[in-house]
Amino acid sequence: MLAVSATIYFFHYYRLLPDVVASHFDKHGLANGLQTKQTFGEVFLGMTDLFAFLVFGIPTIIAVMPRRLINLPNKEYWLSPEQWAASMRFLSPWFAWFGCAVYAVINLGL
């Protein structure tokens, strides 16, 4: 649902953009970087896709990465073979909801 809403939102505003878009701003809020409308759209869509892949893929990434690289309080307990499945069942929905919230803020400006 968020992806469909973001797509509608993007294409609605994309057609309203000028041919050259301010894409970077300094600390005073003044534009200091410009992109063509097409490049801006491609970068925006690419970053949105990358973000969605990373956030919704984090549980899968965690499942295959070495446990020593996972930063988690009391990880010896939570990542032990006895707790692994329960920990993933707990973390996966939280990552998904967090991803939905961040995706909504970034793409829909909520």
PDB file of N, CA and C in Angstrom:
ATOM      1  N   MET A   1       0.826  -1.179   0.000  1.00  0.00           N
ATOM      2  CA  MET A   1       0.000   0.000   0.000  1.00  0.00           C
ATOM      3  C   MET A   1       0.884   1.261   0.000  1.00  0.00           C
ATOM      4  N   LEU A   2       1.943   1.238   0.825  1.00  0.00           N
ATOM      5  CA  LEU A   2       2.846   2.390   0.859  1.00  0.00           C
ATOM      6  C   LEU A   2       3.547   2.591  -0.470  1.00  0.00           C
ATOM      7  N   ALA A   3       3.937   1.506  -1.104  1.00  0.00           N
ATOM      8  CA  ALA A   3       4.627   1.616  -2.384  1.00  0.00           C
ATOM      9  C   ALA A   3       3.702   2.193  -3.451  1.00  0.00           C
ATOM     10  N   VAL A   4       2.454   1.775  -3.466  1.00  0.00           N
ATOM     11  CA  VAL A   4       1.485   2.309  -4.432  1.00  0.00           C
ATOM     12  C   VAL A   4       1.230   3.789  -4.157  1.00  0.00           C
ATOM     13  N   SER A   5       1.048   4.137  -2.882  1.00  0.00           N
ATOM     14  CA  SER A   5       0.832   5.540  -2.516  1.00  0.00           C
ATOM     15  C   SER A   5       2.031   6.397  -2.892  1.00  0.00           C
ATOM     16  N   ALA A   6       3.234   5.891  -2.627  1.00  0.00           N
ATOM     17  CA  ALA A   6       4.448   6.637  -2.960  1.00  0.00           C
ATOM     18  C   ALA A   6       4.583   6.808  -4.472  1.00  0.00           C
ATOM     19  N   THR A   7       4.202   5.801  -5.237  1.00  0.00           N
ATOM     20  CA  THR A   7       4.273   5.892  -6.694  1.00  0.00           C
ATOM     21  C   THR A   7       3.320   6.957  -7.212  1.00  0.00           C
ATOM     22  N   ILE A   8       2.098   6.964  -6.709  1.00  0.00           N
ATOM     23  CA  ILE A   8       1.112   7.979  -7.114  1.00  0.00           C
ATOM     24  C   ILE A   8       1.607   9.365  -6.721  1.00  0.00           C
ATOM     25  N   TYR A   9       2.092   9.492  -5.503  1.00  0.00           N
ATOM     26  CA  TYR A   9       2.621  10.759  -4.997  1.00  0.00           C
ATOM     27  C   TYR A   9       3.771  11.253  -5.867  1.00  0.00           C
ATOM     28  N   PHE A  10       4.703  10.362  -6.171  1.00  0.00           N
ATOM     29  CA  PHE A  10       5.878  10.729  -6.960  1.00  0.00           C
ATOM     30  C   PHE A  10       5.467  11.222  -8.342  1.00  0.00           C
ATOM     31  N   PHE A  11       4.656  10.450  -9.060  1.00  0.00           N
ATOM     32  CA  PHE A  11       4.319  10.829 -10.424  1.00  0.00           C
ATOM     33  C   PHE A  11       3.414  12.057 -10.484  1.00  0.00           C
ATOM     34  N   HIS A  12       2.614  12.274  -9.458  1.00  0.00           N
ATOM     35  CA  HIS A  12       1.808  13.493  -9.405  1.00  0.00           C
ATOM     36  C   HIS A  12       2.716  14.720  -9.325  1.00  0.00           C
ATOM     37  N   TYR A  13       3.690  14.700  -8.419  1.00  0.00           N
ATOM     38  CA  TYR A  13       4.567  15.856  -8.238  1.00  0.00           C
ATOM     39  C   TYR A  13       5.690  15.908  -9.268  1.00  0.00           C
ATOM     40  N   TYR A  14       6.083  14.780  -9.820  1.00  0.00           N
ATOM     41  CA  TYR A  14       7.154  14.762 -10.808  1.00  0.00           C
ATOM     42  C   TYR A  14       6.785  15.614 -12.020  1.00  0.00           C
ATOM     43  N   ARG A  15       5.559  15.494 -12.477  1.00  0.00           N
ATOM     44  CA  ARG A  15       5.150  16.254 -13.663  1.00  0.00           C
ATOM     45  C   ARG A  15       5.067  17.751 -13.391  1.00  0.00           C
ATOM     46  N   LEU A  16       5.005  18.147 -12.125  1.00  0.00           N
ATOM     47  CA  LEU A  16       4.941  19.560 -11.760  1.00  0.00           C
ATOM     48  C   LEU A  16       6.323  20.196 -11.584  1.00  0.00           C
ATOM     49  N   LEU A  17       7.372  19.371 -11.540  1.00  0.00           N
ATOM     50  CA  LEU A  17       8.723  19.887 -11.325  1.00  0.00           C
ATOM     51  C   LEU A  17       9.221  20.669 -12.543  1.00  0.00           C
ATOM     52  N   PRO A  18      10.068  21.671 -12.299  1.00  0.00           N
ATOM     53  CA  PRO A  18      10.699  22.368 -13.435  1.00  0.00           C
ATOM     54  C   PRO A  18      11.767  21.475 -14.077  1.00  0.00           C
ATOM     55  N   ASP A  19      12.299  21.884 -15.208  1.00  0.00           N
ATOM     56  CA  ASP A  19      13.305  21.078 -15.911  1.00  0.00           C
ATOM     57  C   ASP A  19      14.591  20.924 -15.109  1.00  0.00           C
ATOM     58  N   VAL A  20      14.932  21.928 -14.291  1.00  0.00           N
ATOM     59  CA  VAL A  20      16.106  21.870 -13.420  1.00  0.00           C
ATOM     60  C   VAL A  20      15.616  22.009 -11.980  1.00  0.00           C
ATOM     61  N   VAL A  21      16.055  21.084 -11.131  1.00  0.00           N
ATOM     62  CA  VAL A  21      15.564  21.001  -9.762  1.00  0.00           C
ATOM     63  C   VAL A  21      16.709  21.236  -8.777  1.00  0.00           C
ATOM     64  N   ALA A  22      16.461  22.047  -7.755  1.00  0.00           N
ATOM     65  CA  ALA A  22      17.439  22.204  -6.674  1.00  0.00           C
ATOM     66  C   ALA A  22      17.479  20.886  -5.900  1.00  0.00           C
ATOM     67  N   SER A  23      18.655  20.315  -5.751  1.00  0.00           N
ATOM     68  CA  SER A  23      18.753  18.999  -5.127  1.00  0.00           C
ATOM     69  C   SER A  23      19.633  18.981  -3.890  1.00  0.00           C
ATOM     70  N   HIS A  24      20.295  20.067  -3.590  1.00  0.00           N
ATOM     71  CA  HIS A  24      21.144  20.130  -2.408  1.00  0.00           C
ATOM     72  C   HIS A  24      21.080  21.541  -1.851  1.00  0.00           C
ATOM     73  N   PHE A  25      21.110  21.641  -0.529  1.00  0.00           N
ATOM     74  CA  PHE A  25      20.972  22.933   0.119  1.00  0.00           C
ATOM     75  C   PHE A  25      22.047  23.103   1.177  1.00  0.00           C
ATOM     76  N   ASP A  26      22.503  24.349   1.370  1.00  0.00           N
ATOM     77  CA  ASP A  26      23.508  24.618   2.394  1.00  0.00           C
ATOM     78  C   ASP A  26      22.835  24.792   3.752  1.00  0.00           C
ATOM     79  N   LYS A  27      23.621  25.097   4.761  1.00  0.00           N
ATOM     80  CA  LYS A  27      23.093  25.201   6.126  1.00  0.00           C
ATOM     81  C   LYS A  27      22.114  26.354   6.302  1.00  0.00           C
ATOM     82  N   HIS A  28      22.082  27.274   5.359  1.00  0.00           N
ATOM     83  CA  HIS A  28      21.153  28.405   5.434  1.00  0.00           C
ATOM     84  C   HIS A  28      19.888  28.157   4.616  1.00  0.00           C
ATOM     85  N   GLY A  29      19.810  26.990   4.001  1.00  0.00           N
ATOM     86  CA  GLY A  29      18.635  26.650   3.209  1.00  0.00           C
ATOM     87  C   GLY A  29      18.700  27.136   1.778  1.00  0.00           C
ATOM     88  N   LEU A  30      19.866  27.597   1.354  1.00  0.00           N
ATOM     89  CA  LEU A  30      20.022  28.079  -0.018  1.00  0.00           C
ATOM     90  C   LEU A  30      20.480  26.937  -0.920  1.00  0.00           C
ATOM     91  N   ALA A  31      19.870  26.863  -2.087  1.00  0.00           N
ATOM     92  CA  ALA A  31      20.221  25.804  -3.030  1.00  0.00           C
ATOM     93  C   ALA A  31      21.654  25.983  -3.513  1.00  0.00           C
ATOM     94  N   ASN A  32      22.429  24.906  -3.457  1.00  0.00           N
ATOM     95  CA  ASN A  32      23.795  24.958  -3.974  1.00  0.00           C
ATOM     96  C   ASN A  32      24.113  23.739  -4.839  1.00  0.00           C
ATOM     97  N   GLY A  33      23.090  23.023  -5.245  1.00  0.00           N
ATOM     98  CA  GLY A  33      23.252  21.881  -6.133  1.00  0.00           C
ATOM     99  C   GLY A  33      22.013  21.725  -6.990  1.00  0.00           C
ATOM    100  N   LEU A  34      22.211  21.485  -8.277  1.00  0.00           N
ATOM    101  CA  LEU A  34      21.089  21.357  -9.203  1.00  0.00           C
ATOM    102  C   LEU A  34      21.185  20.044  -9.958  1.00  0.00           C
ATOM    103  N   GLN A  35      20.015  19.509 -10.343  1.00  0.00           N
ATOM    104  CA  GLN A  35      19.947  18.307 -11.171  1.00  0.00           C
ATOM    105  C   GLN A  35      18.837  18.507 -12.183  1.00  0.00           C
ATOM    106  N   THR A  36      18.937  17.784 -13.267  1.00  0.00           N
ATOM    107  CA  THR A  36      17.819  17.810 -14.205  1.00  0.00           C
ATOM    108  C   THR A  36      16.647  17.074 -13.555  1.00  0.00           C
ATOM    109  N   LYS A  37      15.473  17.357 -14.044  1.00  0.00           N
ATOM    110  CA  LYS A  37      14.268  16.711 -13.521  1.00  0.00           C
ATOM    111  C   LYS A  37      14.384  15.187 -13.641  1.00  0.00           C
ATOM    112  N   GLN A  38      14.885  14.706 -14.779  1.00  0.00           N
ATOM    113  CA  GLN A  38      15.010  13.263 -14.988  1.00  0.00           C
ATOM    114  C   GLN A  38      16.011  12.650 -14.014  1.00  0.00           C
ATOM    115  N   THR A  39      17.163  13.287 -13.838  1.00  0.00           N
ATOM    116  CA  THR A  39      18.174  12.761 -12.911  1.00  0.00           C
ATOM    117  C   THR A  39      17.644  12.765 -11.488  1.00  0.00           C
ATOM    118  N   PHE A  40      16.989  13.834 -11.102  1.00  0.00           N
ATOM    119  CA  PHE A  40      16.400  13.919  -9.771  1.00  0.00           C
ATOM    120  C   PHE A  40      15.418  12.773  -9.554  1.00  0.00           C
ATOM    121  N   GLY A  41      14.556  12.521 -10.530  1.00  0.00           N
ATOM    122  CA  GLY A  41      13.596  11.429 -10.422  1.00  0.00           C
ATOM    123  C   GLY A  41      14.259  10.071 -10.329  1.00  0.00           C
ATOM    124  N   GLU A  42      15.306   9.866 -11.140  1.00  0.00           N
ATOM    125  CA  GLU A  42      16.014   8.588 -11.113  1.00  0.00           C
ATOM    126  C   GLU A  42      16.707   8.361  -9.772  1.00  0.00           C
ATOM    127  N   VAL A  43      17.351   9.394  -9.249  1.00  0.00           N
ATOM    128  CA  VAL A  43      18.028   9.270  -7.951  1.00  0.00           C
ATOM    129  C   VAL A  43      16.997   9.019  -6.853  1.00  0.00           C
ATOM    130  N   PHE A  44      15.896   9.754  -6.874  1.00  0.00           N
ATOM    131  CA  PHE A  44      14.852   9.582  -5.860  1.00  0.00           C
ATOM    132  C   PHE A  44      14.291   8.163  -5.886  1.00  0.00           C
ATOM    133  N   LEU A  45      13.945   7.690  -7.066  1.00  0.00           N
ATOM    134  CA  LEU A  45      13.392   6.333  -7.171  1.00  0.00           C
ATOM    135  C   LEU A  45      14.427   5.273  -6.809  1.00  0.00           C
ATOM    136  N   GLY A  46      15.669   5.489  -7.230  1.00  0.00           N
ATOM    137  CA  GLY A  46      16.735   4.537  -6.890  1.00  0.00           C
ATOM    138  C   GLY A  46      16.966   4.457  -5.391  1.00  0.00           C
ATOM    139  N   MET A  47      17.008   5.601  -4.735  1.00  0.00           N
ATOM    140  CA  MET A  47      17.216   5.615  -3.278  1.00  0.00           C
ATOM    141  C   MET A  47      16.013   5.001  -2.558  1.00  0.00           C
ATOM    142  N   THR A  48      14.813   5.259  -3.061  1.00  0.00           N
ATOM    143  CA  THR A  48      13.618   4.666  -2.459  1.00  0.00           C
ATOM    144  C   THR A  48      13.661   3.148  -2.576  1.00  0.00           C
ATOM    145  N   ASP A  49      14.024   2.655  -3.744  1.00  0.00           N
ATOM    146  CA  ASP A  49      14.119   1.204  -3.937  1.00  0.00           C
ATOM    147  C   ASP A  49      15.216   0.599  -3.063  1.00  0.00           C
ATOM    148  N   LEU A  50      16.367   1.260  -3.005  1.00  0.00           N
ATOM    149  CA  LEU A  50      17.460   0.770  -2.164  1.00  0.00           C
ATOM    150  C   LEU A  50      17.042   0.739  -0.702  1.00  0.00           C
ATOM    151  N   PHE A  51      16.393   1.806  -0.242  1.00  0.00           N
ATOM    152  CA  PHE A  51      15.936   1.863   1.138  1.00  0.00           C
ATOM    153  C   PHE A  51      14.944   0.730   1.433  1.00  0.00           C
ATOM    154  N   ALA A  52      13.976   0.546   0.547  1.00  0.00           N
ATOM    155  CA  ALA A  52      12.974  -0.516   0.760  1.00  0.00           C
ATOM    156  C   ALA A  52      13.650  -1.882   0.806  1.00  0.00           C
ATOM    157  N   PHE A  53      14.591  -2.113  -0.095  1.00  0.00           N
ATOM    158  CA  PHE A  53      15.305  -3.393  -0.103  1.00  0.00           C
ATOM    159  C   PHE A  53      16.060  -3.606   1.203  1.00  0.00           C
ATOM    160  N   LEU A  54      16.769  -2.568   1.656  1.00  0.00           N
ATOM    161  CA  LEU A  54      17.551  -2.706   2.881  1.00  0.00           C
ATOM    162  C   LEU A  54      16.666  -2.900   4.112  1.00  0.00           C
ATOM    163  N   VAL A  55      15.673  -2.049   4.282  1.00  0.00           N
ATOM    164  CA  VAL A  55      14.851  -2.122   5.499  1.00  0.00           C
ATOM    165  C   VAL A  55      14.058  -3.417   5.564  1.00  0.00           C
ATOM    166  N   PHE A  56      13.432  -3.782   4.456  1.00  0.00           N
ATOM    167  CA  PHE A  56      12.621  -4.995   4.495  1.00  0.00           C
ATOM    168  C   PHE A  56      13.469  -6.249   4.331  1.00  0.00           C
ATOM    169  N   GLY A  57      14.717  -6.092   3.918  1.00  0.00           N
ATOM    170  CA  GLY A  57      15.618  -7.228   3.800  1.00  0.00           C
ATOM    171  C   GLY A  57      16.524  -7.424   4.998  1.00  0.00           C
ATOM    172  N   ILE A  58      16.492  -6.503   5.974  1.00  0.00           N
ATOM    173  CA  ILE A  58      17.379  -6.603   7.134  1.00  0.00           C
ATOM    174  C   ILE A  58      17.227  -7.932   7.873  1.00  0.00           C
ATOM    175  N   PRO A  59      16.016  -8.419   8.129  1.00  0.00           N
ATOM    176  CA  PRO A  59      15.930  -9.722   8.809  1.00  0.00           C
ATOM    177  C   PRO A  59      16.637 -10.837   8.035  1.00  0.00           C
ATOM    178  N   THR A  60      16.542 -10.816   6.709  1.00  0.00           N
ATOM    179  CA  THR A  60      17.233 -11.824   5.905  1.00  0.00           C
ATOM    180  C   THR A  60      18.739 -11.624   5.964  1.00  0.00           C
ATOM    181  N   ILE A  61      19.158 -10.355   5.906  1.00  0.00           N
ATOM    182  CA  ILE A  61      20.585 -10.048   5.987  1.00  0.00           C
ATOM    183  C   ILE A  61      21.147 -10.509   7.331  1.00  0.00           C
ATOM    184  N   ILE A  62      20.426 -10.230   8.412  1.00  0.00           N
ATOM    185  CA  ILE A  62      20.869 -10.632   9.749  1.00  0.00           C
ATOM    186  C   ILE A  62      20.970 -12.154   9.845  1.00  0.00           C
ATOM    187  N   ALA A  63      20.029 -12.839   9.222  1.00  0.00           N
ATOM    188  CA  ALA A  63      20.014 -14.302   9.305  1.00  0.00           C
ATOM    189  C   ALA A  63      21.237 -14.937   8.648  1.00  0.00           C
ATOM    190  N   VAL A  64      21.834 -14.274   7.648  1.00  0.00           N
ATOM    191  CA  VAL A  64      22.961 -14.882   6.950  1.00  0.00           C
ATOM    192  C   VAL A  64      24.318 -14.295   7.343  1.00  0.00           C
ATOM    193  N   MET A  65      24.319 -13.185   8.065  1.00  0.00           N
ATOM    194  CA  MET A  65      25.611 -12.581   8.413  1.00  0.00           C
ATOM    195  C   MET A  65      26.203 -13.250   9.657  1.00  0.00           C
ATOM    196  N   PRO A  66      27.506 -13.200   9.799  1.00  0.00           N
ATOM    197  CA  PRO A  66      28.134 -13.793  10.984  1.00  0.00           C
ATOM    198  C   PRO A  66      27.631 -13.117  12.266  1.00  0.00           C
ATOM    199  N   ARG A  67      27.340 -13.910  13.253  1.00  0.00           N
ATOM    200  CA  ARG A  67      26.761 -13.392  14.496  1.00  0.00           C
ATOM    201  C   ARG A  67      27.689 -12.406  15.196  1.00  0.00           C
ATOM    202  N   ARG A  68      28.994 -12.527  14.991  1.00  0.00           N
ATOM    203  CA  ARG A  68      29.938 -11.620  15.645  1.00  0.00           C
ATOM    204  C   ARG A  68      29.794 -10.192  15.132  1.00  0.00           C
ATOM    205  N   LEU A  69      29.196 -10.018  13.949  1.00  0.00           N
ATOM    206  CA  LEU A  69      29.017  -8.684  13.375  1.00  0.00           C
ATOM    207  C   LEU A  69      27.710  -8.019  13.794  1.00  0.00           C
ATOM    208  N   ILE A  70      26.863  -8.743  14.477  1.00  0.00           N
ATOM    209  CA  ILE A  70      25.570  -8.203  14.908  1.00  0.00           C
ATOM    210  C   ILE A  70      25.752  -7.491  16.238  1.00  0.00           C
ATOM    211  N   ASN A  71      25.350  -6.242  16.301  1.00  0.00           N
ATOM    212  CA  ASN A  71      25.461  -5.442  17.515  1.00  0.00           C
ATOM    213  C   ASN A  71      24.107  -5.455  18.227  1.00  0.00           C
ATOM    214  N   LEU A  72      24.021  -6.201  19.302  1.00  0.00           N
ATOM    215  CA  LEU A  72      22.772  -6.376  20.032  1.00  0.00           C
ATOM    216  C   LEU A  72      23.098  -6.564  21.505  1.00  0.00           C
ATOM    217  N   PRO A  73      22.415  -5.839  22.386  1.00  0.00           N
ATOM    218  CA  PRO A  73      22.690  -6.048  23.816  1.00  0.00           C
ATOM    219  C   PRO A  73      22.425  -7.507  24.207  1.00  0.00           C
ATOM    220  N   ASN A  74      23.299  -8.061  25.016  1.00  0.00           N
ATOM    221  CA  ASN A  74      23.173  -9.440  25.490  1.00  0.00           C
ATOM    222  C   ASN A  74      23.044 -10.425  24.327  1.00  0.00           C
ATOM    223  N   LYS A  75      23.842 -10.206  23.283  1.00  0.00           N
ATOM    224  CA  LYS A  75      23.690 -11.000  22.074  1.00  0.00           C
ATOM    225  C   LYS A  75      24.036 -12.475  22.253  1.00  0.00           C
ATOM    226  N   GLU A  76      24.860 -12.795  23.240  1.00  0.00           N
ATOM    227  CA  GLU A  76      25.163 -14.210  23.468  1.00  0.00           C
ATOM    228  C   GLU A  76      23.878 -14.979  23.777  1.00  0.00           C
ATOM    229  N   TYR A  77      22.963 -14.337  24.504  1.00  0.00           N
ATOM    230  CA  TYR A  77      21.690 -14.978  24.830  1.00  0.00           C
ATOM    231  C   TYR A  77      20.749 -14.961  23.625  1.00  0.00           C
ATOM    232  N   TRP A  78      20.516 -13.761  23.067  1.00  0.00           N
ATOM    233  CA  TRP A  78      19.523 -13.605  22.008  1.00  0.00           C
ATOM    234  C   TRP A  78      19.892 -14.315  20.713  1.00  0.00           C
ATOM    235  N   LEU A  79      21.188 -14.481  20.468  1.00  0.00           N
ATOM    236  CA  LEU A  79      21.618 -15.113  19.226  1.00  0.00           C
ATOM    237  C   LEU A  79      22.079 -16.547  19.426  1.00  0.00           C
ATOM    238  N   SER A  80      21.882 -17.086  20.620  1.00  0.00           N
ATOM    239  CA  SER A  80      22.244 -18.486  20.867  1.00  0.00           C
ATOM    240  C   SER A  80      21.331 -19.383  20.023  1.00  0.00           C
ATOM    241  N   PRO A  81      21.780 -20.579  19.716  1.00  0.00           N
ATOM    242  CA  PRO A  81      20.956 -21.484  18.901  1.00  0.00           C
ATOM    243  C   PRO A  81      19.559 -21.724  19.484  1.00  0.00           C
ATOM    244  N   GLU A  82      19.472 -21.737  20.821  1.00  0.00           N
ATOM    245  CA  GLU A  82      18.176 -21.982  21.450  1.00  0.00           C
ATOM    246  C   GLU A  82      17.204 -20.803  21.264  1.00  0.00           C
ATOM    247  N   GLN A  83      17.728 -19.587  21.188  1.00  0.00           N
ATOM    248  CA  GLN A  83      16.897 -18.379  21.106  1.00  0.00           C
ATOM    249  C   GLN A  83      16.794 -17.803  19.708  1.00  0.00           C
ATOM    250  N   TRP A  84      17.606 -18.290  18.775  1.00  0.00           N
ATOM    251  CA  TRP A  84      17.703 -17.682  17.455  1.00  0.00           C
ATOM    252  C   TRP A  84      16.343 -17.545  16.771  1.00  0.00           C
ATOM    253  N   ALA A  85      15.581 -18.602  16.679  1.00  0.00           N
ATOM    254  CA  ALA A  85      14.293 -18.568  15.969  1.00  0.00           C
ATOM    255  C   ALA A  85      13.331 -17.595  16.649  1.00  0.00           C
ATOM    256  N   ALA A  86      13.273 -17.628  17.970  1.00  0.00           N
ATOM    257  CA  ALA A  86      12.379 -16.717  18.693  1.00  0.00           C
ATOM    258  C   ALA A  86      12.809 -15.263  18.514  1.00  0.00           C
ATOM    259  N   SER A  87      14.110 -15.021  18.508  1.00  0.00           N
ATOM    260  CA  SER A  87      14.612 -13.659  18.307  1.00  0.00           C
ATOM    261  C   SER A  87      14.248 -13.143  16.925  1.00  0.00           C
ATOM    262  N   MET A  88      14.381 -13.971  15.907  1.00  0.00           N
ATOM    263  CA  MET A  88      14.033 -13.553  14.542  1.00  0.00           C
ATOM    264  C   MET A  88      12.529 -13.341  14.397  1.00  0.00           C
ATOM    265  N   ARG A  89      11.714 -14.190  15.052  1.00  0.00           N
ATOM    266  CA  ARG A  89      10.261 -13.988  15.013  1.00  0.00           C
ATOM    267  C   ARG A  89       9.870 -12.679  15.682  1.00  0.00           C
ATOM    268  N   PHE A  90      10.622 -12.263  16.692  1.00  0.00           N
ATOM    269  CA  PHE A  90      10.347 -11.009  17.386  1.00  0.00           C
ATOM    270  C   PHE A  90      10.839  -9.809  16.569  1.00  0.00           C
ATOM    271  N   LEU A  91      12.063  -9.895  16.056  1.00  0.00           N
ATOM    272  CA  LEU A  91      12.659  -8.751  15.373  1.00  0.00           C
ATOM    273  C   LEU A  91      12.078  -8.476  13.989  1.00  0.00           C
ATOM    274  N   SER A  92      11.738  -9.499  13.252  1.00  0.00           N
ATOM    275  CA  SER A  92      11.274  -9.312  11.875  1.00  0.00           C
ATOM    276  C   SER A  92      10.062  -8.387  11.759  1.00  0.00           C
ATOM    277  N   PRO A  93       9.001  -8.588  12.532  1.00  0.00           N
ATOM    278  CA  PRO A  93       7.869  -7.652  12.414  1.00  0.00           C
ATOM    279  C   PRO A  93       8.218  -6.223  12.846  1.00  0.00           C
ATOM    280  N   TRP A  94       9.102  -6.096  13.830  1.00  0.00           N
ATOM    281  CA  TRP A  94       9.492  -4.749  14.274  1.00  0.00           C
ATOM    282  C   TRP A  94      10.275  -4.031  13.188  1.00  0.00           C
ATOM    283  N   PHE A  95      11.163  -4.724  12.512  1.00  0.00           N
ATOM    284  CA  PHE A  95      11.877  -4.124  11.384  1.00  0.00           C
ATOM    285  C   PHE A  95      10.889  -3.722  10.294  1.00  0.00           C
ATOM    286  N   ALA A  96       9.923  -4.572  10.009  1.00  0.00           N
ATOM    287  CA  ALA A  96       8.943  -4.263   8.963  1.00  0.00           C
ATOM    288  C   ALA A  96       8.120  -3.024   9.328  1.00  0.00           C
ATOM    289  N   TRP A  97       7.641  -2.924  10.561  1.00  0.00           N
ATOM    290  CA  TRP A  97       6.863  -1.747  10.963  1.00  0.00           C
ATOM    291  C   TRP A  97       7.721  -0.493  10.976  1.00  0.00           C
ATOM    292  N   PHE A  98       8.951  -0.612  11.431  1.00  0.00           N
ATOM    293  CA  PHE A  98       9.862   0.526  11.403  1.00  0.00           C
ATOM    294  C   PHE A  98      10.100   0.959   9.956  1.00  0.00           C
ATOM    295  N   GLY A  99      10.314  -0.007   9.093  1.00  0.00           N
ATOM    296  CA  GLY A  99      10.513   0.295   7.676  1.00  0.00           C
ATOM    297  C   GLY A  99       9.311   0.978   7.065  1.00  0.00           C
ATOM    298  N   CYS A 100       8.113   0.515   7.401  1.00  0.00           N
ATOM    299  CA  CYS A 100       6.894   1.154   6.894  1.00  0.00           C
ATOM    300  C   CYS A 100       6.794   2.595   7.368  1.00  0.00           C
ATOM    301  N   ALA A 101       7.096   2.841   8.625  1.00  0.00           N
ATOM    302  CA  ALA A 101       7.010   4.202   9.167  1.00  0.00           C
ATOM    303  C   ALA A 101       8.012   5.127   8.494  1.00  0.00           C
ATOM    304  N   VAL A 102       9.243   4.682   8.365  1.00  0.00           N
ATOM    305  CA  VAL A 102      10.271   5.518   7.731  1.00  0.00           C
ATOM    306  C   VAL A 102       9.958   5.705   6.252  1.00  0.00           C
ATOM    307  N   TYR A 103       9.511   4.659   5.595  1.00  0.00           N
ATOM    308  CA  TYR A 103       9.143   4.728   4.175  1.00  0.00           C
ATOM    309  C   TYR A 103       8.023   5.740   3.971  1.00  0.00           C
ATOM    310  N   ALA A 104       7.042   5.741   4.870  1.00  0.00           N
ATOM    311  CA  ALA A 104       5.936   6.692   4.777  1.00  0.00           C
ATOM    312  C   ALA A 104       6.422   8.124   4.950  1.00  0.00           C
ATOM    313  N   VAL A 105       7.298   8.353   5.909  1.00  0.00           N
ATOM    314  CA  VAL A 105       7.813   9.699   6.162  1.00  0.00           C
ATOM    315  C   VAL A 105       8.638  10.193   4.972  1.00  0.00           C
ATOM    316  N   ILE A 106       9.497   9.350   4.463  1.00  0.00           N
ATOM    317  CA  ILE A 106      10.375   9.759   3.365  1.00  0.00           C
ATOM    318  C   ILE A 106       9.585   9.973   2.080  1.00  0.00           C
ATOM    319  N   ASN A 107       8.711   9.058   1.748  1.00  0.00           N
ATOM    320  CA  ASN A 107       8.045   9.104   0.461  1.00  0.00           C
ATOM    321  C   ASN A 107       6.746   9.896   0.449  1.00  0.00           C
ATOM    322  N   LEU A 108       6.084   9.963   1.543  1.00  0.00           N
ATOM    323  CA  LEU A 108       4.801  10.649   1.550  1.00  0.00           C
ATOM    324  C   LEU A 108       4.840  11.964   2.311  1.00  0.00           C
ATOM    325  N   GLY A 109       5.968  12.252   2.920  1.00  0.00           N
ATOM    326  CA  GLY A 109       6.104  13.516   3.626  1.00  0.00           C
ATOM    327  C   GLY A 109       5.188  13.638   4.826  1.00  0.00           C
ATOM    328  N   LEU A 110       4.863  12.506   5.444  1.00  0.00           N
ATOM    329  CA  LEU A 110       3.962  12.552   6.616  1.00  0.00           C
ATOM    330  C   LEU A 110       4.662  13.075   7.829  1.00  0.00           C
TER     331      LEU A 110
END
